[in-house]
């Protein structure tokens, strides 16, 4: 009777271990590393001229279903022309 109880306890512990391990992996996968929300003062890099501008004053353009931020309308137009050629 003692061996059966021991095997039952070990079995329950093994199942609990695997359930806990999978729950922790899922939790880590969903959350990812902490990133604070973007503010208007965050600096973003213009993909054309490589300068940094505050997010709040950047010019945005949707290109190919993705939003890009630029320092000026000229850089946005240049980027759209470059992407259109490729």
PDB file of N, CA and C in Angstrom:
ATOM      1  N   UNK A   1       0.824  -1.195   0.000  1.00  0.00           N
ATOM      2  CA  UNK A   1       0.000   0.000   0.000  1.00  0.00           C
ATOM      3  C   UNK A   1       0.863   1.252   0.000  1.00  0.00           C
ATOM      4  N   UNK A   2       2.023   1.219   0.669  1.00  0.00           N
ATOM      5  CA  UNK A   2       2.907   2.380   0.737  1.00  0.00           C
ATOM      6  C   UNK A   2       3.536   2.712  -0.601  1.00  0.00           C
ATOM      7  N   UNK A   3       3.885   1.695  -1.392  1.00  0.00           N
ATOM      8  CA  UNK A   3       4.511   1.924  -2.695  1.00  0.00           C
ATOM      9  C   UNK A   3       3.495   2.524  -3.668  1.00  0.00           C
ATOM     10  N   UNK A   4       2.259   2.098  -3.578  1.00  0.00           N
ATOM     11  CA  UNK A   4       1.222   2.633  -4.466  1.00  0.00           C
ATOM     12  C   UNK A   4       1.002   4.114  -4.170  1.00  0.00           C
ATOM     13  N   UNK A   5       0.951   4.482  -2.909  1.00  0.00           N
ATOM     14  CA  UNK A   5       0.814   5.901  -2.551  1.00  0.00           C
ATOM     15  C   UNK A   5       1.994   6.702  -3.053  1.00  0.00           C
ATOM     16  N   UNK A   6       3.194   6.177  -2.874  1.00  0.00           N
ATOM     17  CA  UNK A   6       4.392   6.867  -3.336  1.00  0.00           C
ATOM     18  C   UNK A   6       4.359   7.063  -4.846  1.00  0.00           C
ATOM     19  N   UNK A   7       3.973   6.026  -5.590  1.00  0.00           N
ATOM     20  CA  UNK A   7       3.884   6.150  -7.042  1.00  0.00           C
ATOM     21  C   UNK A   7       2.813   7.149  -7.449  1.00  0.00           C
ATOM     22  N   UNK A   8       1.709   7.189  -6.753  1.00  0.00           N
ATOM     23  CA  UNK A   8       0.638   8.136  -7.033  1.00  0.00           C
ATOM     24  C   UNK A   8       1.101   9.570  -6.776  1.00  0.00           C
ATOM     25  N   UNK A   9       1.779   9.800  -5.674  1.00  0.00           N
ATOM     26  CA  UNK A   9       2.291  11.135  -5.358  1.00  0.00           C
ATOM     27  C   UNK A   9       3.326  11.578  -6.395  1.00  0.00           C
ATOM     28  N   UNK A  10       4.227  10.685  -6.769  1.00  0.00           N
ATOM     29  CA  UNK A  10       5.236  11.008  -7.787  1.00  0.00           C
ATOM     30  C   UNK A  10       4.549  11.323  -9.110  1.00  0.00           C
ATOM     31  N   UNK A  11       3.544  10.553  -9.490  1.00  0.00           N
ATOM     32  CA  UNK A  11       2.803  10.801 -10.730  1.00  0.00           C
ATOM     33  C   UNK A  11       2.133  12.159 -10.739  1.00  0.00           C
ATOM     34  N   UNK A  12       1.503  12.511  -9.627  1.00  0.00           N
ATOM     35  CA  UNK A  12       0.846  13.819  -9.514  1.00  0.00           C
ATOM     36  C   UNK A  12       1.881  14.946  -9.592  1.00  0.00           C
ATOM     37  N   UNK A  13       3.014  14.776  -8.949  1.00  0.00           N
ATOM     38  CA  UNK A  13       4.061  15.792  -9.000  1.00  0.00           C
ATOM     39  C   UNK A  13       4.621  15.970 -10.414  1.00  0.00           C
ATOM     40  N   UNK A  14       4.797  14.881 -11.128  1.00  0.00           N
ATOM     41  CA  UNK A  14       5.300  14.966 -12.508  1.00  0.00           C
ATOM     42  C   UNK A  14       4.296  15.706 -13.392  1.00  0.00           C
ATOM     43  N   UNK A  15       3.028  15.368 -13.274  1.00  0.00           N
ATOM     44  CA  UNK A  15       1.998  16.049 -14.065  1.00  0.00           C
ATOM     45  C   UNK A  15       1.950  17.525 -13.706  1.00  0.00           C
ATOM     46  N   UNK A  16       1.999  17.853 -12.425  1.00  0.00           N
ATOM     47  CA  UNK A  16       1.989  19.249 -11.992  1.00  0.00           C
ATOM     48  C   UNK A  16       3.198  19.998 -12.542  1.00  0.00           C
ATOM     49  N   UNK A  17       4.363  19.355 -12.545  1.00  0.00           N
ATOM     50  CA  UNK A  17       5.579  19.985 -13.079  1.00  0.00           C
ATOM     51  C   UNK A  17       5.401  20.347 -14.546  1.00  0.00           C
ATOM     52  N   UNK A  18       4.926  19.408 -15.354  1.00  0.00           N
ATOM     53  CA  UNK A  18       4.781  19.677 -16.780  1.00  0.00           C
ATOM     54  C   UNK A  18       3.707  20.721 -17.061  1.00  0.00           C
ATOM     55  N   UNK A  19       2.626  20.711 -16.313  1.00  0.00           N
ATOM     56  CA  UNK A  19       1.588  21.735 -16.484  1.00  0.00           C
ATOM     57  C   UNK A  19       2.115  23.116 -16.120  1.00  0.00           C
ATOM     58  N   UNK A  20       2.832  23.204 -15.029  1.00  0.00           N
ATOM     59  CA  UNK A  20       3.400  24.481 -14.605  1.00  0.00           C
ATOM     60  C   UNK A  20       4.437  24.970 -15.611  1.00  0.00           C
ATOM     61  N   UNK A  21       5.264  24.071 -16.104  1.00  0.00           N
ATOM     62  CA  UNK A  21       6.293  24.451 -17.073  1.00  0.00           C
ATOM     63  C   UNK A  21       5.661  24.974 -18.362  1.00  0.00           C
ATOM     64  N   UNK A  22       4.627  24.334 -18.859  1.00  0.00           N
ATOM     65  CA  UNK A  22       3.986  24.803 -20.085  1.00  0.00           C
ATOM     66  C   UNK A  22       3.257  26.125 -19.860  1.00  0.00           C
ATOM     67  N   UNK A  23       2.672  26.306 -18.672  1.00  0.00           N
ATOM     68  CA  UNK A  23       2.008  27.573 -18.370  1.00  0.00           C
ATOM     69  C   UNK A  23       3.015  28.718 -18.320  1.00  0.00           C
ATOM     70  N   UNK A  24       4.169  28.494 -17.748  1.00  0.00           N
ATOM     71  CA  UNK A  24       5.207  29.531 -17.678  1.00  0.00           C
ATOM     72  C   UNK A  24       5.715  29.860 -19.072  1.00  0.00           C
ATOM     73  N   UNK A  25       5.940  28.864 -19.909  1.00  0.00           N
ATOM     74  CA  UNK A  25       6.397  29.115 -21.282  1.00  0.00           C
ATOM     75  C   UNK A  25       5.371  29.907 -22.071  1.00  0.00           C
ATOM     76  N   UNK A  26       4.097  29.570 -21.910  1.00  0.00           N
ATOM     77  CA  UNK A  26       3.050  30.299 -22.622  1.00  0.00           C
ATOM     78  C   UNK A  26       2.966  31.730 -22.133  1.00  0.00           C
ATOM     79  N   UNK A  27       3.067  31.930 -20.836  1.00  0.00           N
ATOM     80  CA  UNK A  27       3.016  33.267 -20.264  1.00  0.00           C
ATOM     81  C   UNK A  27       4.169  34.118 -20.777  1.00  0.00           C
ATOM     82  N   UNK A  28       5.358  33.565 -20.826  1.00  0.00           N
ATOM     83  CA  UNK A  28       6.525  34.307 -21.322  1.00  0.00           C
ATOM     84  C   UNK A  28       6.373  34.622 -22.802  1.00  0.00           C
ATOM     85  N   UNK A  29       5.841  33.699 -23.562  1.00  0.00           N
ATOM     86  CA  UNK A  29       5.668  33.915 -24.992  1.00  0.00           C
ATOM     87  C   UNK A  29       4.648  34.987 -25.306  1.00  0.00           C
ATOM     88  N   UNK A  30       3.595  35.068 -24.504  1.00  0.00           N
ATOM     89  CA  UNK A  30       2.564  36.067 -24.757  1.00  0.00           C
ATOM     90  C   UNK A  30       2.985  37.457 -24.318  1.00  0.00           C
ATOM     91  N   UNK A  31       3.657  37.547 -23.214  1.00  0.00           N
ATOM     92  CA  UNK A  31       4.008  38.845 -22.671  1.00  0.00           C
ATOM     93  C   UNK A  31       5.214  39.459 -23.360  1.00  0.00           C
ATOM     94  N   UNK A  32       6.259  38.675 -23.593  1.00  0.00           N
ATOM     95  CA  UNK A  32       7.479  39.199 -24.185  1.00  0.00           C
ATOM     96  C   UNK A  32       8.168  40.152 -23.223  1.00  0.00           C
ATOM     97  N   UNK A  33       9.246  40.780 -23.667  1.00  0.00           N
ATOM     98  CA  UNK A  33       9.931  41.728 -22.799  1.00  0.00           C
ATOM     99  C   UNK A  33       9.067  42.974 -22.591  1.00  0.00           C
ATOM    100  N   UNK A  34       9.197  43.584 -21.425  1.00  0.00           N
ATOM    101  CA  UNK A  34       8.402  44.770 -21.110  1.00  0.00           C
ATOM    102  C   UNK A  34       8.839  45.940 -21.979  1.00  0.00           C
ATOM    103  N   UNK A  35       7.871  46.594 -22.611  1.00  0.00           N
ATOM    104  CA  UNK A  35       8.136  47.793 -23.382  1.00  0.00           C
ATOM    105  C   UNK A  35       7.112  48.836 -22.967  1.00  0.00           C
ATOM    106  N   UNK A  36       7.596  49.967 -22.458  1.00  0.00           N
ATOM    107  CA  UNK A  36       6.648  51.008 -22.077  1.00  0.00           C
ATOM    108  C   UNK A  36       5.952  51.564 -23.310  1.00  0.00           C
ATOM    109  N   UNK A  37       4.754  52.110 -23.160  1.00  0.00           N
ATOM    110  CA  UNK A  37       4.059  52.669 -24.313  1.00  0.00           C
ATOM    111  C   UNK A  37       4.861  53.813 -24.931  1.00  0.00           C
ATOM    112  N   UNK A  38       4.766  53.936 -26.242  1.00  0.00           N
ATOM    113  CA  UNK A  38       5.499  54.987 -26.952  1.00  0.00           C
ATOM    114  C   UNK A  38       4.907  56.346 -26.610  1.00  0.00           C
ATOM    115  N   UNK A  39       5.769  57.311 -26.370  1.00  0.00           N
ATOM    116  CA  UNK A  39       5.302  58.666 -26.088  1.00  0.00           C
ATOM    117  C   UNK A  39       5.673  59.579 -27.247  1.00  0.00           C
ATOM    118  N   UNK A  40       5.090  60.751 -27.251  1.00  0.00           N
ATOM    119  CA  UNK A  40       5.346  61.717 -28.325  1.00  0.00           C
ATOM    120  C   UNK A  40       6.783  62.222 -28.304  1.00  0.00           C
ATOM    121  N   UNK A  41       7.466  62.085 -27.160  1.00  0.00           N
ATOM    122  CA  UNK A  41       8.837  62.564 -27.051  1.00  0.00           C
ATOM    123  C   UNK A  41       9.866  61.512 -27.455  1.00  0.00           C
ATOM    124  N   UNK A  42       9.444  60.261 -27.658  1.00  0.00           N
ATOM    125  CA  UNK A  42      10.374  59.220 -28.086  1.00  0.00           C
ATOM    126  C   UNK A  42      10.992  59.611 -29.417  1.00  0.00           C
ATOM    127  N   UNK A  43      12.273  59.335 -29.556  1.00  0.00           N
ATOM    128  CA  UNK A  43      12.977  59.660 -30.789  1.00  0.00           C
ATOM    129  C   UNK A  43      12.882  58.475 -31.749  1.00  0.00           C
ATOM    130  N   UNK A  44      12.574  58.763 -33.005  1.00  0.00           N
ATOM    131  CA  UNK A  44      12.514  57.749 -34.049  1.00  0.00           C
ATOM    132  C   UNK A  44      13.484  58.133 -35.156  1.00  0.00           C
ATOM    133  N   UNK A  45      14.025  57.123 -35.848  1.00  0.00           N
ATOM    134  CA  UNK A  45      15.004  57.388 -36.892  1.00  0.00           C
ATOM    135  C   UNK A  45      14.346  57.390 -38.263  1.00  0.00           C
ATOM    136  N   UNK A  46      14.632  58.424 -39.022  1.00  0.00           N
ATOM    137  CA  UNK A  46      14.165  58.536 -40.395  1.00  0.00           C
ATOM    138  C   UNK A  46      14.902  57.484 -41.237  1.00  0.00           C
ATOM    139  N   UNK A  47      14.186  56.620 -41.987  1.00  0.00           N
ATOM    140  CA  UNK A  47      14.867  55.580 -42.754  1.00  0.00           C
ATOM    141  C   UNK A  47      15.626  56.110 -43.983  1.00  0.00           C
ATOM    142  N   UNK A  48      15.396  57.362 -44.374  1.00  0.00           N
ATOM    143  CA  UNK A  48      16.069  57.908 -45.550  1.00  0.00           C
ATOM    144  C   UNK A  48      17.359  58.622 -45.159  1.00  0.00           C
ATOM    145  N   UNK A  49      17.233  59.669 -44.335  1.00  0.00           N
ATOM    146  CA  UNK A  49      18.418  60.477 -44.005  1.00  0.00           C
ATOM    147  C   UNK A  49      19.059  60.086 -42.675  1.00  0.00           C
ATOM    148  N   UNK A  50      18.446  59.142 -41.963  1.00  0.00           N
ATOM    149  CA  UNK A  50      18.984  58.579 -40.717  1.00  0.00           C
ATOM    150  C   UNK A  50      19.034  59.563 -39.552  1.00  0.00           C
ATOM    151  N   UNK A  51      18.340  60.687 -39.639  1.00  0.00           N
ATOM    152  CA  UNK A  51      18.293  61.607 -38.508  1.00  0.00           C
ATOM    153  C   UNK A  51      17.214  61.150 -37.537  1.00  0.00           C
ATOM    154  N   UNK A  52      17.300  61.628 -36.302  1.00  0.00           N
ATOM    155  CA  UNK A  52      16.320  61.303 -35.274  1.00  0.00           C
ATOM    156  C   UNK A  52      15.401  62.491 -35.050  1.00  0.00           C
ATOM    157  N   UNK A  53      14.114  62.201 -34.950  1.00  0.00           N
ATOM    158  CA  UNK A  53      13.112  63.236 -34.705  1.00  0.00           C
ATOM    159  C   UNK A  53      12.160  62.741 -33.621  1.00  0.00           C
ATOM    160  N   UNK A  54      11.567  63.667 -32.855  1.00  0.00           N
ATOM    161  CA  UNK A  54      10.569  63.239 -31.869  1.00  0.00           C
ATOM    162  C   UNK A  54       9.349  62.629 -32.579  1.00  0.00           C
ATOM    163  N   UNK A  55       8.845  61.543 -32.027  1.00  0.00           N
ATOM    164  CA  UNK A  55       7.701  60.851 -32.629  1.00  0.00           C
ATOM    165  C   UNK A  55       6.529  61.807 -32.856  1.00  0.00           C
ATOM    166  N   UNK A  56       6.316  62.725 -31.955  1.00  0.00           N
ATOM    167  CA  UNK A  56       5.181  63.637 -32.062  1.00  0.00           C
ATOM    168  C   UNK A  56       5.268  64.604 -33.226  1.00  0.00           C
ATOM    169  N   UNK A  57       6.463  64.925 -33.696  1.00  0.00           N
ATOM    170  CA  UNK A  57       6.595  65.865 -34.805  1.00  0.00           C
ATOM    171  C   UNK A  57       7.015  65.189 -36.103  1.00  0.00           C
ATOM    172  N   UNK A  58       7.101  63.869 -36.116  1.00  0.00           N
ATOM    173  CA  UNK A  58       7.507  63.144 -37.326  1.00  0.00           C
ATOM    174  C   UNK A  58       6.368  63.117 -38.333  1.00  0.00           C
ATOM    175  N   UNK A  59       6.739  63.055 -39.598  1.00  0.00           N
ATOM    176  CA  UNK A  59       5.776  62.927 -40.695  1.00  0.00           C
ATOM    177  C   UNK A  59       5.576  61.432 -40.935  1.00  0.00           C
ATOM    178  N   UNK A  60       4.337  60.989 -40.947  1.00  0.00           N
ATOM    179  CA  UNK A  60       4.084  59.561 -41.153  1.00  0.00           C
ATOM    180  C   UNK A  60       3.578  59.320 -42.566  1.00  0.00           C
ATOM    181  N   UNK A  61       3.920  58.142 -43.096  1.00  0.00           N
ATOM    182  CA  UNK A  61       3.457  57.731 -44.420  1.00  0.00           C
ATOM    183  C   UNK A  61       3.236  56.226 -44.407  1.00  0.00           C
ATOM    184  N   UNK A  62       2.133  55.803 -44.991  1.00  0.00           N
ATOM    185  CA  UNK A  62       1.836  54.377 -45.118  1.00  0.00           C
ATOM    186  C   UNK A  62       2.388  53.893 -46.455  1.00  0.00           C
ATOM    187  N   UNK A  63       3.309  52.942 -46.367  1.00  0.00           N
ATOM    188  CA  UNK A  63       3.937  52.390 -47.568  1.00  0.00           C
ATOM    189  C   UNK A  63       3.830  50.868 -47.493  1.00  0.00           C
ATOM    190  N   UNK A  64       3.153  50.292 -48.436  1.00  0.00           N
ATOM    191  CA  UNK A  64       3.015  48.837 -48.472  1.00  0.00           C
ATOM    192  C   UNK A  64       2.302  48.273 -47.256  1.00  0.00           C
ATOM    193  N   UNK A  65       1.356  49.012 -46.700  1.00  0.00           N
ATOM    194  CA  UNK A  65       0.606  48.535 -45.543  1.00  0.00           C
ATOM    195  C   UNK A  65       1.318  48.718 -44.214  1.00  0.00           C
ATOM    196  N   UNK A  66       2.475  49.382 -44.218  1.00  0.00           N
ATOM    197  CA  UNK A  66       3.218  49.625 -42.983  1.00  0.00           C
ATOM    198  C   UNK A  66       3.435  51.125 -42.828  1.00  0.00           C
ATOM    199  N   UNK A  67       3.352  51.608 -41.598  1.00  0.00           N
ATOM    200  CA  UNK A  67       3.538  53.030 -41.328  1.00  0.00           C
ATOM    201  C   UNK A  67       4.989  53.320 -41.007  1.00  0.00           C
ATOM    202  N   UNK A  68       5.551  54.305 -41.698  1.00  0.00           N
ATOM    203  CA  UNK A  68       6.924  54.748 -41.475  1.00  0.00           C
ATOM    204  C   UNK A  68       6.892  56.195 -41.010  1.00  0.00           C
ATOM    205  N   UNK A  69       7.903  56.580 -40.220  1.00  0.00           N
ATOM    206  CA  UNK A  69       8.006  57.947 -39.711  1.00  0.00           C
ATOM    207  C   UNK A  69       9.236  58.609 -40.306  1.00  0.00           C
ATOM    208  N   UNK A  70       9.091  59.896 -40.707  1.00  0.00           N
ATOM    209  CA  UNK A  70      10.151  60.633 -41.381  1.00  0.00           C
ATOM    210  C   UNK A  70      10.327  61.994 -40.743  1.00  0.00           C
ATOM    211  N   UNK A  71      11.482  62.610 -41.010  1.00  0.00           N
ATOM    212  CA  UNK A  71      11.742  63.944 -40.473  1.00  0.00           C
ATOM    213  C   UNK A  71      11.050  65.016 -41.294  1.00  0.00           C
ATOM    214  N   UNK A  72      10.763  64.743 -42.565  1.00  0.00           N
ATOM    215  CA  UNK A  72      10.126  65.739 -43.429  1.00  0.00           C
ATOM    216  C   UNK A  72       9.318  65.050 -44.519  1.00  0.00           C
ATOM    217  N   UNK A  73       8.477  65.829 -45.182  1.00  0.00           N
ATOM    218  CA  UNK A  73       7.679  65.303 -46.288  1.00  0.00           C
ATOM    219  C   UNK A  73       8.601  64.906 -47.447  1.00  0.00           C
ATOM    220  N   UNK A  74       9.714  65.639 -47.657  1.00  0.00           N
ATOM    221  CA  UNK A  74      10.660  65.295 -48.722  1.00  0.00           C
ATOM    222  C   UNK A  74      11.223  63.883 -48.523  1.00  0.00           C
ATOM    223  N   UNK A  75      11.614  63.561 -47.299  1.00  0.00           N
ATOM    224  CA  UNK A  75      12.140  62.214 -47.020  1.00  0.00           C
ATOM    225  C   UNK A  75      11.065  61.159 -47.233  1.00  0.00           C
ATOM    226  N   UNK A  76       9.832  61.463 -46.860  1.00  0.00           N
ATOM    227  CA  UNK A  76       8.730  60.520 -47.066  1.00  0.00           C
ATOM    228  C   UNK A  76       8.518  60.271 -48.550  1.00  0.00           C
ATOM    229  N   UNK A  77       8.546  61.345 -49.360  1.00  0.00           N
ATOM    230  CA  UNK A  77       8.373  61.203 -50.806  1.00  0.00           C
ATOM    231  C   UNK A  77       9.526  60.413 -51.425  1.00  0.00           C
ATOM    232  N   UNK A  78      10.755  60.696 -50.979  1.00  0.00           N
ATOM    233  CA  UNK A  78      11.926  59.973 -51.479  1.00  0.00           C
ATOM    234  C   UNK A  78      11.804  58.485 -51.174  1.00  0.00           C
ATOM    235  N   UNK A  79      11.386  58.156 -49.952  1.00  0.00           N
ATOM    236  CA  UNK A  79      11.233  56.753 -49.554  1.00  0.00           C
ATOM    237  C   UNK A  79      10.182  56.061 -50.405  1.00  0.00           C
ATOM    238  N   UNK A  80       9.055  56.729 -50.627  1.00  0.00           N
ATOM    239  CA  UNK A  80       7.998  56.127 -51.420  1.00  0.00           C
ATOM    240  C   UNK A  80       8.450  55.884 -52.858  1.00  0.00           C
ATOM    241  N   UNK A  81       9.266  56.787 -53.395  1.00  0.00           N
ATOM    242  CA  UNK A  81       9.809  56.590 -54.746  1.00  0.00           C
ATOM    243  C   UNK A  81      10.778  55.420 -54.776  1.00  0.00           C
ATOM    244  N   UNK A  82      11.641  55.289 -53.743  1.00  0.00           N
ATOM    245  CA  UNK A  82      12.605  54.205 -53.678  1.00  0.00           C
ATOM    246  C   UNK A  82      11.894  52.862 -53.572  1.00  0.00           C
ATOM    247  N   UNK A  83      10.875  52.792 -52.753  1.00  0.00           N
ATOM    248  CA  UNK A  83      10.145  51.531 -52.558  1.00  0.00           C
ATOM    249  C   UNK A  83       9.369  51.188 -53.823  1.00  0.00           C
ATOM    250  N   UNK A  84       8.870  52.196 -54.505  1.00  0.00           N
ATOM    251  CA  UNK A  84       8.116  51.968 -55.744  1.00  0.00           C
ATOM    252  C   UNK A  84       8.980  51.412 -56.860  1.00  0.00           C
ATOM    253  N   UNK A  85      10.290  51.719 -56.842  1.00  0.00           N
ATOM    254  CA  UNK A  85      11.210  51.254 -57.886  1.00  0.00           C
ATOM    255  C   UNK A  85      11.652  49.825 -57.654  1.00  0.00           C
ATOM    256  N   UNK A  86      11.626  49.354 -56.394  1.00  0.00           N
ATOM    257  CA  UNK A  86      12.131  48.003 -56.136  1.00  0.00           C
ATOM    258  C   UNK A  86      11.090  46.944 -56.305  1.00  0.00           C
TER     259      UNK A  86
END
